[in-house]
Amino acid sequence: MFHMTQELIKILGIDPARVRLEWISSAEGTRFAEVAREFTEKVKSLGPSTLKQAA
């Protein structure tokens, strides 16, 4: 299913680096915080999205 999502992202012109899937247990709070921080830094480093807002 995620592969189909990745293909749709490419078709829509969204940078695939802006989407990430991680399986994290509810018992892994520290891991969740680490992944969220890491992904936030990655998206910030990519800069603003090139997508235009729909009317």
Protein backbone atom coordinates (compact mmCIF):
# COMPACT_ATOMS: atom_id res chain seq x y z
CA MET A 1 0.00 0.00 0.00
CA PHE A 2 2.81 2.43 0.82
CA HIS A 3 4.35 1.76 -2.60
CA MET A 4 1.11 2.99 -4.22
CA THR A 5 1.21 6.08 -2.02
CA GLN A 6 4.79 6.76 -3.10
CA GLU A 7 3.75 6.52 -6.76
CA LEU A 8 0.84 8.92 -6.18
CA ILE A 9 3.19 11.36 -4.44
CA LYS A 10 5.46 11.36 -7.50
CA ILE A 11 2.50 11.87 -9.85
CA LEU A 12 1.31 14.85 -7.78
CA GLY A 13 4.79 16.37 -7.89
CA ILE A 14 5.50 16.06 -4.17
CA ASP A 15 9.11 15.42 -3.16
CA PRO A 16 9.17 11.83 -1.82
CA ALA A 17 11.54 13.00 0.94
CA ARG A 18 8.53 14.82 2.47
CA VAL A 19 6.74 11.53 3.27
CA ARG A 20 7.93 8.93 5.74
CA LEU A 21 6.38 5.81 7.26
CA GLU A 22 7.65 4.37 10.54
CA TRP A 23 6.12 1.56 12.58
CA ILE A 24 6.52 2.58 16.23
CA SER A 25 4.90 0.86 19.19
CA SER A 26 3.02 2.92 21.76
CA ALA A 27 5.64 1.69 24.23
CA GLU A 28 8.39 3.43 22.23
CA GLY A 29 7.81 7.03 23.26
CA THR A 30 11.50 7.89 23.08
CA ARG A 31 11.78 6.40 19.59
CA PHE A 32 8.68 8.35 18.47
CA ALA A 33 10.20 11.62 19.70
CA GLU A 34 13.48 10.83 17.96
CA VAL A 35 11.79 10.03 14.62
CA ALA A 36 9.55 13.12 14.85
CA ARG A 37 12.54 15.37 15.56
CA GLU A 38 14.62 13.81 12.78
CA PHE A 39 11.83 14.06 10.21
CA THR A 40 11.04 17.65 11.18
CA GLU A 41 14.69 18.60 10.66
CA LYS A 42 14.69 16.84 7.28
CA VAL A 43 11.57 18.67 6.06
CA LYS A 44 12.90 22.02 7.30
CA SER A 45 16.15 21.41 5.42
CA LEU A 46 14.14 20.84 2.22
CA GLY A 47 12.65 24.31 2.50
CA PRO A 48 9.17 25.38 1.43
CA SER A 49 7.13 23.02 -0.72
CA THR A 50 6.85 23.90 -4.39
CA LEU A 51 3.16 22.94 -4.43
CA LYS A 52 0.58 25.66 -4.97
CA GLN A 53 -2.49 25.77 -2.75
CA ALA A 54 -5.71 24.77 -4.52
CA ALA A 55 -8.40 27.42 -4.80
